[in-house]
């Protein structure tokens, strides 16, 4: 299975969520790109965020973000610097 453009958009949005607090989320505004708005809606439909426009991470969303950020660090070579 390959990464589709939709999955890449979702992953890019997910890694913007802060990991240091469950009390912080993000809001995707109506003037965001259509790709970002659609990504937020798909993440909501998948149960990874609490609102169609972002909101907070669910428990599952938090797990996905943790893995996504870890993968991104490894692929960009920043993991070795930590």
C-alpha atoms as a PDB file:
ATOM      1  CA  UNK A   1       0.000   0.000   0.000  1.00  0.00           C
ATOM      2  CA  UNK A   2       1.371   3.389  -1.003  1.00  0.00           C
ATOM      3  CA  UNK A   3       0.788   6.776   0.559  1.00  0.00           C
ATOM      4  CA  UNK A   4      -1.936   8.594  -1.341  1.00  0.00           C
ATOM      5  CA  UNK A   5      -2.088  12.391  -1.540  1.00  0.00           C
ATOM      6  CA  UNK A   6      -5.034  12.294   0.907  1.00  0.00           C
ATOM      7  CA  UNK A   7      -3.014  10.282   3.440  1.00  0.00           C
ATOM      8  CA  UNK A   8      -0.072  12.656   3.078  1.00  0.00           C
ATOM      9  CA  UNK A   9      -2.394  15.622   3.715  1.00  0.00           C
ATOM     10  CA  UNK A  10      -3.783  13.879   6.800  1.00  0.00           C
ATOM     11  CA  UNK A  11      -0.318  13.048   8.113  1.00  0.00           C
ATOM     12  CA  UNK A  12       0.874  16.619   7.542  1.00  0.00           C
ATOM     13  CA  UNK A  13      -2.102  17.920   9.510  1.00  0.00           C
ATOM     14  CA  UNK A  14      -1.684  15.384  12.311  1.00  0.00           C
ATOM     15  CA  UNK A  15       1.963  16.262  12.956  1.00  0.00           C
ATOM     16  CA  UNK A  16       0.904  19.867  13.609  1.00  0.00           C
ATOM     17  CA  UNK A  17      -0.940  18.795  16.763  1.00  0.00           C
ATOM     18  CA  UNK A  18       0.974  19.512  19.978  1.00  0.00           C
ATOM     19  CA  UNK A  19       1.986  16.421  21.930  1.00  0.00           C
ATOM     20  CA  UNK A  20       2.880  18.090  25.229  1.00  0.00           C
ATOM     21  CA  UNK A  21      -0.713  18.727  26.337  1.00  0.00           C
ATOM     22  CA  UNK A  22      -4.119  17.155  25.836  1.00  0.00           C
ATOM     23  CA  UNK A  23      -5.596  20.586  26.474  1.00  0.00           C
ATOM     24  CA  UNK A  24      -4.265  22.049  23.217  1.00  0.00           C
ATOM     25  CA  UNK A  25      -5.623  21.384  19.761  1.00  0.00           C
ATOM     26  CA  UNK A  26      -5.797  23.036  16.386  1.00  0.00           C
ATOM     27  CA  UNK A  27      -8.501  24.757  14.384  1.00  0.00           C
ATOM     28  CA  UNK A  28      -8.622  24.538  10.612  1.00  0.00           C
ATOM     29  CA  UNK A  29     -10.128  27.821   9.453  1.00  0.00           C
ATOM     30  CA  UNK A  30     -12.499  28.156   6.515  1.00  0.00           C
ATOM     31  CA  UNK A  31      -9.834  30.008   4.520  1.00  0.00           C
ATOM     32  CA  UNK A  32      -7.412  27.042   4.726  1.00  0.00           C
ATOM     33  CA  UNK A  33      -6.648  25.153   1.559  1.00  0.00           C
ATOM     34  CA  UNK A  34      -9.330  22.696   0.405  1.00  0.00           C
ATOM     35  CA  UNK A  35      -6.838  19.850   0.922  1.00  0.00           C
ATOM     36  CA  UNK A  36      -6.343  20.772   4.593  1.00  0.00           C
ATOM     37  CA  UNK A  37     -10.071  21.211   5.208  1.00  0.00           C
ATOM     38  CA  UNK A  38     -10.778  17.829   3.630  1.00  0.00           C
ATOM     39  CA  UNK A  39      -7.976  16.212   5.626  1.00  0.00           C
ATOM     40  CA  UNK A  40      -9.470  17.522   8.884  1.00  0.00           C
ATOM     41  CA  UNK A  41     -12.885  16.186   7.931  1.00  0.00           C
ATOM     42  CA  UNK A  42     -11.462  12.757   7.103  1.00  0.00           C
ATOM     43  CA  UNK A  43      -9.541  12.639  10.389  1.00  0.00           C
ATOM     44  CA  UNK A  44     -12.781  13.423  12.213  1.00  0.00           C
ATOM     45  CA  UNK A  45     -14.632  10.690  10.295  1.00  0.00           C
ATOM     46  CA  UNK A  46     -11.861   8.256  11.280  1.00  0.00           C
ATOM     47  CA  UNK A  47     -12.226   9.186  14.944  1.00  0.00           C
ATOM     48  CA  UNK A  48      -8.765  10.708  15.286  1.00  0.00           C
ATOM     49  CA  UNK A  49      -9.858  14.266  16.164  1.00  0.00           C
ATOM     50  CA  UNK A  50     -12.850  15.595  18.081  1.00  0.00           C
ATOM     51  CA  UNK A  51     -14.175  18.123  15.557  1.00  0.00           C
ATOM     52  CA  UNK A  52     -14.540  18.337  11.777  1.00  0.00           C
ATOM     53  CA  UNK A  53     -12.285  21.396  11.826  1.00  0.00           C
ATOM     54  CA  UNK A  54      -9.618  19.877  14.060  1.00  0.00           C
ATOM     55  CA  UNK A  55     -10.284  20.243  17.745  1.00  0.00           C
ATOM     56  CA  UNK A  56      -8.396  17.891  20.014  1.00  0.00           C
ATOM     57  CA  UNK A  57      -6.824  14.529  19.401  1.00  0.00           C
ATOM     58  CA  UNK A  58      -8.755  11.491  20.522  1.00  0.00           C
ATOM     59  CA  UNK A  59      -6.909   8.682  22.270  1.00  0.00           C
ATOM     60  CA  UNK A  60      -6.446   6.939  18.900  1.00  0.00           C
ATOM     61  CA  UNK A  61      -5.401  10.211  17.310  1.00  0.00           C
ATOM     62  CA  UNK A  62      -2.782  10.741  19.982  1.00  0.00           C
ATOM     63  CA  UNK A  63      -1.338   7.287  19.279  1.00  0.00           C
ATOM     64  CA  UNK A  64      -1.239   7.954  15.533  1.00  0.00           C
ATOM     65  CA  UNK A  65       0.450  11.337  15.999  1.00  0.00           C
ATOM     66  CA  UNK A  66       3.062   9.813  18.274  1.00  0.00           C
ATOM     67  CA  UNK A  67       3.945   7.224  15.627  1.00  0.00           C
ATOM     68  CA  UNK A  68       3.764   9.737  12.770  1.00  0.00           C
ATOM     69  CA  UNK A  69       6.144  12.144  14.505  1.00  0.00           C
ATOM     70  CA  UNK A  70       8.512   9.310  15.337  1.00  0.00           C
ATOM     71  CA  UNK A  71       8.489   8.124  11.731  1.00  0.00           C
ATOM     72  CA  UNK A  72       9.047  11.656  10.453  1.00  0.00           C
ATOM     73  CA  UNK A  73      12.025  12.115  12.810  1.00  0.00           C
ATOM     74  CA  UNK A  74      13.569   8.865  11.582  1.00  0.00           C
ATOM     75  CA  UNK A  75      13.020   9.635   7.897  1.00  0.00           C
ATOM     76  CA  UNK A  76      14.358  13.176   8.175  1.00  0.00           C
ATOM     77  CA  UNK A  77      17.380  12.104  10.172  1.00  0.00           C
ATOM     78  CA  UNK A  78      16.538  14.169  13.259  1.00  0.00           C
ATOM     79  CA  UNK A  79      16.127  11.073  15.465  1.00  0.00           C
ATOM     80  CA  UNK A  80      19.882  10.555  15.637  1.00  0.00           C
ATOM     81  CA  UNK A  81      20.341  14.109  16.935  1.00  0.00           C
ATOM     82  CA  UNK A  82      18.037  13.667  19.936  1.00  0.00           C
END
